[in-house]
PDB file of N, CA and C in Angstrom:
ATOM      1  N   MET A   1     114.255 -99.796  87.483  1.00  0.00           N
ATOM      2  CA  MET A   1     115.453-100.324  88.049  1.00  0.00           C
ATOM      3  C   MET A   1     116.258 -99.171  88.655  1.00  0.00           C
ATOM      4  N   ASN A   2     116.575 -99.282  89.934  1.00  0.00           N
ATOM      5  CA  ASN A   2     117.388 -98.299  90.632  1.00  0.00           C
ATOM      6  C   ASN A   2     118.783 -98.850  90.799  1.00  0.00           C
ATOM      7  N   ALA A   3     119.739 -98.099  90.383  1.00  0.00           N
ATOM      8  CA  ALA A   3     121.125 -98.544  90.497  1.00  0.00           C
ATOM      9  C   ALA A   3     121.927 -97.475  91.207  1.00  0.00           C
ATOM     10  N   ALA A   4     122.764 -97.901  92.081  1.00  0.00           N
ATOM     11  CA  ALA A   4     123.649 -96.976  92.783  1.00  0.00           C
ATOM     12  C   ALA A   4     125.081 -97.366  92.477  1.00  0.00           C
ATOM     13  N   ILE A   5     125.881 -96.380  92.186  1.00  0.00           N
ATOM     14  CA  ILE A   5     127.287 -96.614  91.899  1.00  0.00           C
ATOM     15  C   ILE A   5     128.104 -95.935  92.986  1.00  0.00           C
ATOM     16  N   HIS A   6     128.988 -96.660  93.592  1.00  0.00           N
ATOM     17  CA  HIS A   6     129.832 -96.117  94.650  1.00  0.00           C
ATOM     18  C   HIS A   6     131.283 -96.191  94.193  1.00  0.00           C
ATOM     19  N   TYR A   7     131.978 -95.094  94.337  1.00  0.00           N
ATOM     20  CA  TYR A   7     133.393 -95.045  93.994  1.00  0.00           C
ATOM     21  C   TYR A   7     134.180 -94.812  95.280  1.00  0.00           C
ATOM     22  N   ASN A   8     135.048 -95.683  95.599  1.00  0.00           N
ATOM     23  CA  ASN A   8     135.861 -95.554  96.804  1.00  0.00           C
ATOM     24  C   ASN A   8     137.338 -95.622  96.452  1.00  0.00           C
ATOM     25  N   SER A   9     137.778 -94.742  95.617  1.00  0.00           N
ATOM     26  CA  SER A   9     139.185 -94.746  95.246  1.00  0.00           C
ATOM     27  C   SER A   9     139.809 -93.403  95.588  1.00  0.00           C
ATOM     28  N   ILE A  10     141.084 -93.439  95.823  1.00  0.00           N
ATOM     29  CA  ILE A  10     141.835 -92.227  96.121  1.00  0.00           C
ATOM     30  C   ILE A  10     142.729 -91.950  94.924  1.00  0.00           C
ATOM     31  N   ILE A  11     142.694 -90.728  94.468  1.00  0.00           N
ATOM     32  CA  ILE A  11     143.506 -90.338  93.322  1.00  0.00           C
ATOM     33  C   ILE A  11     144.661 -89.503  93.836  1.00  0.00           C
ATOM     34  N   ASP A  12     145.862 -89.903  93.499  1.00  0.00           N
ATOM     35  CA  ASP A  12     147.066 -89.201  93.919  1.00  0.00           C
ATOM     36  C   ASP A  12     147.607 -88.424  92.724  1.00  0.00           C
ATOM     37  N   TYR A  13     147.624 -87.096  92.862  1.00  0.00           N
ATOM     38  CA  TYR A  13     148.068 -86.250  91.759  1.00  0.00           C
ATOM     39  C   TYR A  13     149.510 -85.778  91.925  1.00  0.00           C
ATOM     40  N   THR A  14     150.239 -86.327  92.860  1.00  0.00           N
ATOM     41  CA  THR A  14     151.627 -85.887  93.038  1.00  0.00           C
ATOM     42  C   THR A  14     152.495 -86.446  91.930  1.00  0.00           C
ATOM     43  N   ASP A  15     153.473 -85.684  91.569  1.00  0.00           N
ATOM     44  CA  ASP A  15     154.395 -86.093  90.517  1.00  0.00           C
ATOM     45  C   ASP A  15     155.542 -86.857  91.156  1.00  0.00           C
ATOM     46  N   LYS A  16     155.598 -88.132  90.947  1.00  0.00           N
ATOM     47  CA  LYS A  16     156.601 -88.980  91.577  1.00  0.00           C
ATOM     48  C   LYS A  16     157.877 -89.079  90.758  1.00  0.00           C
ATOM     49  N   ASP A  17     157.923 -88.462  89.607  1.00  0.00           N
ATOM     50  CA  ASP A  17     159.098 -88.563  88.747  1.00  0.00           C
ATOM     51  C   ASP A  17     160.137 -87.486  89.029  1.00  0.00           C
ATOM     52  N   THR A  18     159.789 -86.478  89.810  1.00  0.00           N
ATOM     53  CA  THR A  18     160.728 -85.393  90.059  1.00  0.00           C
ATOM     54  C   THR A  18     161.143 -85.393  91.516  1.00  0.00           C
ATOM     55  N   ASP A  19     162.378 -85.022  91.746  1.00  0.00           N
ATOM     56  CA  ASP A  19     162.898 -84.947  93.102  1.00  0.00           C
ATOM     57  C   ASP A  19     162.985 -83.507  93.594  1.00  0.00           C
ATOM     58  N   THR A  20     162.707 -82.556  92.750  1.00  0.00           N
ATOM     59  CA  THR A  20     162.836 -81.157  93.136  1.00  0.00           C
ATOM     60  C   THR A  20     161.483 -80.603  93.545  1.00  0.00           C
ATOM     61  N   GLU A  21     161.548 -79.694  94.486  1.00  0.00           N
ATOM     62  CA  GLU A  21     160.334 -79.018  94.888  1.00  0.00           C
ATOM     63  C   GLU A  21     160.127 -77.825  93.980  1.00  0.00           C
ATOM     64  N   THR A  22     158.896 -77.560  93.673  1.00  0.00           N
ATOM     65  CA  THR A  22     158.605 -76.381  92.872  1.00  0.00           C
ATOM     66  C   THR A  22     157.980 -75.337  93.778  1.00  0.00           C
ATOM     67  N   ASP A  23     158.471 -74.138  93.675  1.00  0.00           N
ATOM     68  CA  ASP A  23     157.905 -73.050  94.447  1.00  0.00           C
ATOM     69  C   ASP A  23     156.712 -72.497  93.692  1.00  0.00           C
ATOM     70  N   THR A  24     155.597 -72.473  94.362  1.00  0.00           N
ATOM     71  CA  THR A  24     154.419 -71.857  93.777  1.00  0.00           C
ATOM     72  C   THR A  24     154.063 -70.661  94.626  1.00  0.00           C
ATOM     73  N   GLU A  25     153.761 -69.593  93.961  1.00  0.00           N
ATOM     74  CA  GLU A  25     153.407 -68.378  94.667  1.00  0.00           C
ATOM     75  C   GLU A  25     151.980 -68.526  95.169  1.00  0.00           C
ATOM     76  N   THR A  26     151.815 -68.425  96.468  1.00  0.00           N
ATOM     77  CA  THR A  26     150.476 -68.536  97.035  1.00  0.00           C
ATOM     78  C   THR A  26     149.917 -67.149  97.243  1.00  0.00           C
ATOM     79  N   ASP A  27     148.674 -67.026  96.976  1.00  0.00           N
ATOM     80  CA  ASP A  27     147.993 -65.752  97.134  1.00  0.00           C
ATOM     81  C   ASP A  27     147.573 -65.617  98.589  1.00  0.00           C
ATOM     82  N   THR A  28     148.192 -64.694  99.300  1.00  0.00           N
ATOM     83  CA  THR A  28     147.840 -64.516 100.695  1.00  0.00           C
ATOM     84  C   THR A  28     146.535 -63.744 100.844  1.00  0.00           C
ATOM     85  N   GLU A  29     146.135 -63.051  99.824  1.00  0.00           N
ATOM     86  CA  GLU A  29     144.882 -62.310  99.838  1.00  0.00           C
ATOM     87  C   GLU A  29     143.742 -63.268  99.523  1.00  0.00           C
ATOM     88  N   GLU A  30     142.809 -63.384 100.440  1.00  0.00           N
ATOM     89  CA  GLU A  30     141.676 -64.268 100.226  1.00  0.00           C
ATOM     90  C   GLU A  30     140.733 -63.643  99.207  1.00  0.00           C
ATOM     91  N   ASP A  31     139.941 -64.484  98.582  1.00  0.00           N
ATOM     92  CA  ASP A  31     138.931 -63.964  97.681  1.00  0.00           C
ATOM     93  C   ASP A  31     137.945 -63.130  98.479  1.00  0.00           C
ATOM     94  N   VAL A  32     137.651 -61.961  97.983  1.00  0.00           N
ATOM     95  CA  VAL A  32     136.760 -61.041  98.675  1.00  0.00           C
ATOM     96  C   VAL A  32     135.507 -60.862  97.839  1.00  0.00           C
ATOM     97  N   LEU A  33     134.353 -61.039  98.455  1.00  0.00           N
ATOM     98  CA  LEU A  33     133.096 -60.681  97.802  1.00  0.00           C
ATOM     99  C   LEU A  33     132.794 -59.264  98.251  1.00  0.00           C
ATOM    100  N   TYR A  34     133.148 -58.312  97.390  1.00  0.00           N
ATOM    101  CA  TYR A  34     132.977 -56.912  97.744  1.00  0.00           C
ATOM    102  C   TYR A  34     131.513 -56.612  98.023  1.00  0.00           C
ATOM    103  N   GLY A  35     131.295 -55.908  99.134  1.00  0.00           N
ATOM    104  CA  GLY A  35     129.952 -55.521  99.530  1.00  0.00           C
ATOM    105  C   GLY A  35     129.290 -56.484 100.489  1.00  0.00           C
ATOM    106  N   ASP A  36     129.755 -57.722 100.551  1.00  0.00           N
ATOM    107  CA  ASP A  36     129.173 -58.713 101.459  1.00  0.00           C
ATOM    108  C   ASP A  36     129.838 -58.594 102.820  1.00  0.00           C
ATOM    109  N   VAL A  37     129.487 -57.560 103.537  1.00  0.00           N
ATOM    110  CA  VAL A  37     130.136 -57.226 104.796  1.00  0.00           C
ATOM    111  C   VAL A  37     129.781 -58.227 105.895  1.00  0.00           C
ATOM    112  N   ASN A  38     128.549 -58.720 105.906  1.00  0.00           N
ATOM    113  CA  ASN A  38     128.153 -59.664 106.952  1.00  0.00           C
ATOM    114  C   ASN A  38     128.446 -61.117 106.578  1.00  0.00           C
ATOM    115  N   ASN A  39     129.082 -61.323 105.431  1.00  0.00           N
ATOM    116  CA  ASN A  39     129.556 -62.640 104.987  1.00  0.00           C
ATOM    117  C   ASN A  39     128.447 -63.691 104.900  1.00  0.00           C
ATOM    118  N   ASP A  40     127.293 -63.278 104.361  1.00  0.00           N
ATOM    119  CA  ASP A  40     126.204 -64.241 104.173  1.00  0.00           C
ATOM    120  C   ASP A  40     126.085 -64.713 102.733  1.00  0.00           C
ATOM    121  N   GLY A  41     127.030 -64.303 101.886  1.00  0.00           N
ATOM    122  CA  GLY A  41     127.052 -64.763 100.503  1.00  0.00           C
ATOM    123  C   GLY A  41     126.297 -63.885  99.532  1.00  0.00           C
ATOM    124  N   LYS A  42     125.729 -62.794  99.997  1.00  0.00           N
ATOM    125  CA  LYS A  42     125.010 -61.884  99.097  1.00  0.00           C
ATOM    126  C   LYS A  42     125.194 -60.444  99.562  1.00  0.00           C
ATOM    127  N   VAL A  43     125.033 -59.530  98.635  1.00  0.00           N
ATOM    128  CA  VAL A  43     125.135 -58.111  98.940  1.00  0.00           C
ATOM    129  C   VAL A  43     123.725 -57.584  99.138  1.00  0.00           C
ATOM    130  N   SER A  44     123.471 -57.018 100.310  1.00  0.00           N
ATOM    131  CA  SER A  44     122.115 -56.559 100.631  1.00  0.00           C
ATOM    132  C   SER A  44     122.171 -55.236 101.399  1.00  0.00           C
ATOM    133  N   ALA A  45     121.001 -54.699 101.680  1.00  0.00           N
ATOM    134  CA  ALA A  45     120.901 -53.468 102.459  1.00  0.00           C
ATOM    135  C   ALA A  45     121.469 -53.656 103.865  1.00  0.00           C
ATOM    136  N   LYS A  46     121.451 -54.883 104.378  1.00  0.00           N
ATOM    137  CA  LYS A  46     122.043 -55.148 105.698  1.00  0.00           C
ATOM    138  C   LYS A  46     123.535 -54.842 105.690  1.00  0.00           C
ATOM    139  N   ASP A  47     124.198 -55.178 104.581  1.00  0.00           N
ATOM    140  CA  ASP A  47     125.626 -54.883 104.461  1.00  0.00           C
ATOM    141  C   ASP A  47     125.867 -53.377 104.458  1.00  0.00           C
ATOM    142  N   SER A  48     125.037 -52.656 103.732  1.00  0.00           N
ATOM    143  CA  SER A  48     125.147 -51.204 103.687  1.00  0.00           C
ATOM    144  C   SER A  48     124.947 -50.608 105.077  1.00  0.00           C
ATOM    145  N   MET A  49     123.986 -51.140 105.820  1.00  0.00           N
ATOM    146  CA  MET A  49     123.717 -50.653 107.179  1.00  0.00           C
ATOM    147  C   MET A  49     124.907 -50.919 108.097  1.00  0.00           C
ATOM    148  N   SER A  50     125.556 -52.067 107.933  1.00  0.00           N
ATOM    149  CA  SER A  50     126.741 -52.376 108.744  1.00  0.00           C
ATOM    150  C   SER A  50     127.844 -51.353 108.493  1.00  0.00           C
ATOM    151  N   VAL A  51     128.020 -50.970 107.237  1.00  0.00           N
ATOM    152  CA  VAL A  51     129.032 -49.971 106.893  1.00  0.00           C
ATOM    153  C   VAL A  51     128.646 -48.613 107.473  1.00  0.00           C
ATOM    154  N   GLN A  52     127.390 -48.247 107.358  1.00  0.00           N
ATOM    155  CA  GLN A  52     126.938 -46.968 107.911  1.00  0.00           C
ATOM    156  C   GLN A  52     127.171 -46.911 109.425  1.00  0.00           C
ATOM    157  N   ARG A  53     126.866 -48.015 110.113  1.00  0.00           N
ATOM    158  CA  ARG A  53     127.073 -48.075 111.564  1.00  0.00           C
ATOM    159  C   ARG A  53     128.565 -47.939 111.898  1.00  0.00           C
ATOM    160  N   HIS A  54     129.416 -48.513 111.060  1.00  0.00           N
ATOM    161  CA  HIS A  54     130.862 -48.390 111.272  1.00  0.00           C
ATOM    162  C   HIS A  54     131.318 -46.942 111.055  1.00  0.00           C
ATOM    163  N   VAL A  55     130.808 -46.314 110.023  1.00  0.00           N
ATOM    164  CA  VAL A  55     131.214 -44.945 109.694  1.00  0.00           C
ATOM    165  C   VAL A  55     130.874 -43.983 110.836  1.00  0.00           C
ATOM    166  N   ILE A  56     129.712 -44.162 111.459  1.00  0.00           N
ATOM    167  CA  ILE A  56     129.322 -43.249 112.553  1.00  0.00           C
ATOM    168  C   ILE A  56     129.743 -43.786 113.927  1.00  0.00           C
ATOM    169  N   LYS A  57     130.586 -44.812 113.920  1.00  0.00           N
ATOM    170  CA  LYS A  57     131.216 -45.369 115.111  1.00  0.00           C
ATOM    171  C   LYS A  57     130.235 -45.998 116.105  1.00  0.00           C
ATOM    172  N   LEU A  58     129.150 -46.579 115.584  1.00  0.00           N
ATOM    173  CA  LEU A  58     128.237 -47.351 116.431  1.00  0.00           C
ATOM    174  C   LEU A  58     128.678 -48.801 116.551  1.00  0.00           C
ATOM    175  N   SER A  59     129.495 -49.243 115.597  1.00  0.00           N
ATOM    176  CA  SER A  59     130.042 -50.596 115.639  1.00  0.00           C
ATOM    177  C   SER A  59     131.390 -50.591 114.937  1.00  0.00           C
ATOM    178  N   GLN A  60     132.098 -51.697 115.091  1.00  0.00           N
ATOM    179  CA  GLN A  60     133.415 -51.800 114.475  1.00  0.00           C
ATOM    180  C   GLN A  60     133.430 -53.039 113.586  1.00  0.00           C
ATOM    181  N   LEU A  61     134.031 -52.917 112.413  1.00  0.00           N
ATOM    182  CA  LEU A  61     134.131 -54.035 111.481  1.00  0.00           C
ATOM    183  C   LEU A  61     135.451 -54.765 111.680  1.00  0.00           C
ATOM    184  N   SER A  62     135.421 -56.084 111.467  1.00  0.00           N
ATOM    185  CA  SER A  62     136.642 -56.885 111.536  1.00  0.00           C
ATOM    186  C   SER A  62     137.499 -56.590 110.305  1.00  0.00           C
ATOM    187  N   ASP A  63     138.724 -57.097 110.306  1.00  0.00           N
ATOM    188  CA  ASP A  63     139.613 -56.889 109.160  1.00  0.00           C
ATOM    189  C   ASP A  63     139.009 -57.463 107.881  1.00  0.00           C
ATOM    190  N   GLU A  64     138.415 -58.643 107.975  1.00  0.00           N
ATOM    191  CA  GLU A  64     137.773 -59.263 106.809  1.00  0.00           C
ATOM    192  C   GLU A  64     136.603 -58.414 106.316  1.00  0.00           C
ATOM    193  N   GLN A  65     135.815 -57.896 107.252  1.00  0.00           N
ATOM    194  CA  GLN A  65     134.690 -57.048 106.878  1.00  0.00           C
ATOM    195  C   GLN A  65     135.159 -55.739 106.256  1.00  0.00           C
ATOM    196  N   LEU A  66     136.268 -55.209 106.757  1.00  0.00           N
ATOM    197  CA  LEU A  66     136.801 -53.969 106.196  1.00  0.00           C
ATOM    198  C   LEU A  66     137.196 -54.150 104.739  1.00  0.00           C
ATOM    199  N   LYS A  67     137.794 -55.310 104.413  1.00  0.00           N
ATOM    200  CA  LYS A  67     138.156 -55.589 103.021  1.00  0.00           C
ATOM    201  C   LYS A  67     136.912 -55.634 102.140  1.00  0.00           C
ATOM    202  N   SER A  68     135.857 -56.268 102.622  1.00  0.00           N
ATOM    203  CA  SER A  68     134.614 -56.378 101.847  1.00  0.00           C
ATOM    204  C   SER A  68     133.911 -55.030 101.722  1.00  0.00           C
ATOM    205  N   ALA A  69     134.075 -54.188 102.734  1.00  0.00           N
ATOM    206  CA  ALA A  69     133.359 -52.911 102.763  1.00  0.00           C
ATOM    207  C   ALA A  69     133.999 -51.843 101.882  1.00  0.00           C
ATOM    208  N   ASP A  70     135.285 -51.944 101.622  1.00  0.00           N
ATOM    209  CA  ASP A  70     135.982 -50.919 100.825  1.00  0.00           C
ATOM    210  C   ASP A  70     135.747 -51.176  99.338  1.00  0.00           C
ATOM    211  N   VAL A  71     134.533 -50.888  98.889  1.00  0.00           N
ATOM    212  CA  VAL A  71     134.137 -51.235  97.523  1.00  0.00           C
ATOM    213  C   VAL A  71     134.631 -50.250  96.475  1.00  0.00           C
ATOM    214  N   ASP A  72     135.051 -49.066  96.890  1.00  0.00           N
ATOM    215  CA  ASP A  72     135.622 -48.139  95.910  1.00  0.00           C
ATOM    216  C   ASP A  72     137.149 -48.205  95.913  1.00  0.00           C
ATOM    217  N   LEU A  73     137.699 -49.124  96.696  1.00  0.00           N
ATOM    218  CA  LEU A  73     139.131 -49.439  96.720  1.00  0.00           C
ATOM    219  C   LEU A  73     140.023 -48.224  96.980  1.00  0.00           C
ATOM    220  N   ASP A  74     139.548 -47.318  97.837  1.00  0.00           N
ATOM    221  CA  ASP A  74     140.361 -46.147  98.166  1.00  0.00           C
ATOM    222  C   ASP A  74     141.096 -46.295  99.496  1.00  0.00           C
ATOM    223  N   GLY A  75     140.937 -47.445 100.147  1.00  0.00           N
ATOM    224  CA  GLY A  75     141.617 -47.689 101.412  1.00  0.00           C
ATOM    225  C   GLY A  75     140.908 -47.136 102.625  1.00  0.00           C
ATOM    226  N   LYS A  76     139.733 -46.529 102.426  1.00  0.00           N
ATOM    227  CA  LYS A  76     138.966 -45.954 103.527  1.00  0.00           C
ATOM    228  C   LYS A  76     137.530 -46.485 103.463  1.00  0.00           C
ATOM    229  N   ILE A  77     136.900 -46.583 104.616  1.00  0.00           N
ATOM    230  CA  ILE A  77     135.489 -46.958 104.683  1.00  0.00           C
ATOM    231  C   ILE A  77     134.703 -45.681 104.941  1.00  0.00           C
ATOM    232  N   THR A  78     133.873 -45.318 103.973  1.00  0.00           N
ATOM    233  CA  THR A  78     133.103 -44.074 104.076  1.00  0.00           C
ATOM    234  C   THR A  78     131.644 -44.333 103.719  1.00  0.00           C
ATOM    235  N   SER A  79     130.852 -43.292 103.838  1.00  0.00           N
ATOM    236  CA  SER A  79     129.438 -43.409 103.477  1.00  0.00           C
ATOM    237  C   SER A  79     129.270 -43.677 101.978  1.00  0.00           C
ATOM    238  N   LYS A  80     130.285 -43.314 101.175  1.00  0.00           N
ATOM    239  CA  LYS A  80     130.227 -43.641  99.747  1.00  0.00           C
ATOM    240  C   LYS A  80     130.231 -45.154  99.545  1.00  0.00           C
ATOM    241  N   ASP A  81     131.023 -45.865 100.338  1.00  0.00           N
ATOM    242  CA  ASP A  81     131.040 -47.327 100.253  1.00  0.00           C
ATOM    243  C   ASP A  81     129.658 -47.886 100.583  1.00  0.00           C
ATOM    244  N   ALA A  82     129.039 -47.346 101.629  1.00  0.00           N
ATOM    245  CA  ALA A  82     127.700 -47.804 102.017  1.00  0.00           C
ATOM    246  C   ALA A  82     126.703 -47.551 100.885  1.00  0.00           C
ATOM    247  N   LEU A  83     126.803 -46.393 100.234  1.00  0.00           N
ATOM    248  CA  LEU A  83     125.908 -46.073  99.130  1.00  0.00           C
ATOM    249  C   LEU A  83     126.116 -47.015  97.955  1.00  0.00           C
ATOM    250  N   TYR A  84     127.373 -47.297  97.597  1.00  0.00           N
ATOM    251  CA  TYR A  84     127.649 -48.230  96.497  1.00  0.00           C
ATOM    252  C   TYR A  84     127.107 -49.622  96.808  1.00  0.00           C
ATOM    253  N   ILE A  85     127.259 -50.057  98.051  1.00  0.00           N
ATOM    254  CA  ILE A  85     126.739 -51.375  98.442  1.00  0.00           C
ATOM    255  C   ILE A  85     125.222 -51.397  98.327  1.00  0.00           C
ATOM    256  N   LEU A  86     124.570 -50.343  98.775  1.00  0.00           N
ATOM    257  CA  LEU A  86     123.113 -50.261  98.671  1.00  0.00           C
ATOM    258  C   LEU A  86     122.671 -50.277  97.210  1.00  0.00           C
ATOM    259  N   ARG A  87     123.372 -49.526  96.368  1.00  0.00           N
ATOM    260  CA  ARG A  87     123.036 -49.508  94.934  1.00  0.00           C
ATOM    261  C   ARG A  87     123.234 -50.887  94.310  1.00  0.00           C
ATOM    262  N   CYS A  88     124.291 -51.584  94.727  1.00  0.00           N
ATOM    263  CA  CYS A  88     124.537 -52.935  94.214  1.00  0.00           C
ATOM    264  C   CYS A  88     123.431 -53.888  94.643  1.00  0.00           C
ATOM    265  N   SER A  89     122.899 -53.707  95.844  1.00  0.00           N
ATOM    266  CA  SER A  89     121.863 -54.602  96.353  1.00  0.00           C
ATOM    267  C   SER A  89     120.575 -54.529  95.527  1.00  0.00           C
ATOM    268  N   ILE A  90     120.393 -53.425  94.803  1.00  0.00           N
ATOM    269  CA  ILE A  90     119.215 -53.311  93.925  1.00  0.00           C
ATOM    270  C   ILE A  90     119.632 -53.268  92.447  1.00  0.00           C
ATOM    271  N   ASN A  91     120.797 -53.824  92.181  1.00  0.00           N
ATOM    272  CA  ASN A  91     121.322 -53.985  90.816  1.00  0.00           C
ATOM    273  C   ASN A  91     121.538 -52.686  90.060  1.00  0.00           C
ATOM    274  N   LEU A  92     121.941 -51.651  90.753  1.00  0.00           N
ATOM    275  CA  LEU A  92     122.261 -50.385  90.105  1.00  0.00           C
ATOM    276  C   LEU A  92     123.760 -50.117  90.059  1.00  0.00           C
ATOM    277  N   ALA A  93     124.551 -51.036  90.611  1.00  0.00           N
ATOM    278  CA  ALA A  93     126.005 -50.877  90.594  1.00  0.00           C
ATOM    279  C   ALA A  93     126.653 -52.252  90.593  1.00  0.00           C
ATOM    280  N   VAL A  94     127.895 -52.269  90.130  1.00  0.00           N
ATOM    281  CA  VAL A  94     128.714 -53.489  90.145  1.00  0.00           C
ATOM    282  C   VAL A  94     129.905 -53.206  91.046  1.00  0.00           C
ATOM    283  N   LEU A  95     130.228 -54.155  91.900  1.00  0.00           N
ATOM    284  CA  LEU A  95     131.320 -53.982  92.849  1.00  0.00           C
ATOM    285  C   LEU A  95     132.484 -54.882  92.482  1.00  0.00           C
ATOM    286  N   PRO A  96     133.715 -54.480  92.721  1.00  0.00           N
ATOM    287  CA  PRO A  96     134.114 -53.169  93.232  1.00  0.00           C
ATOM    288  C   PRO A  96     133.897 -52.095  92.176  1.00  0.00           C
ATOM    289  N   VAL A  97     133.760 -50.882  92.654  1.00  0.00           N
ATOM    290  CA  VAL A  97     133.492 -49.748  91.775  1.00  0.00           C
ATOM    291  C   VAL A  97     134.745 -49.410  90.988  1.00  0.00           C
ATOM    292  N   GLU A  98     134.621 -49.299  89.693  1.00  0.00           N
ATOM    293  CA  GLU A  98     135.747 -48.901  88.844  1.00  0.00           C
ATOM    294  C   GLU A  98     135.650 -47.404  88.592  1.00  0.00           C
ATOM    295  N   LYS A  99     136.766 -46.746  88.790  1.00  0.00           N
ATOM    296  CA  LYS A  99     136.759 -45.279  88.621  1.00  0.00           C
ATOM    297  C   LYS A  99     137.245 -44.898  87.257  1.00  0.00           C
TER     298      LYS A  99
END
């Protein structure tokens, strides 16, 4: 016997008992997957190569990529970041790097 259950209801989670607005602090910083420079959902040697190309000025990284590439959190993109990303891609490091 095959049975299918379909739910077509809308759930409203707003609080209708209060008339005041509550201020919630929103995080303007997006979640960053450190080391995932090409934004494919994984840290790989390709990400390390992208950082290396940026360091030697063969390519330029976007602002989002720069955040992902700065894995040692020093505010600069260097060959050390590329090395940490490469090490992470073979499970020899955890990102971001803690000093």
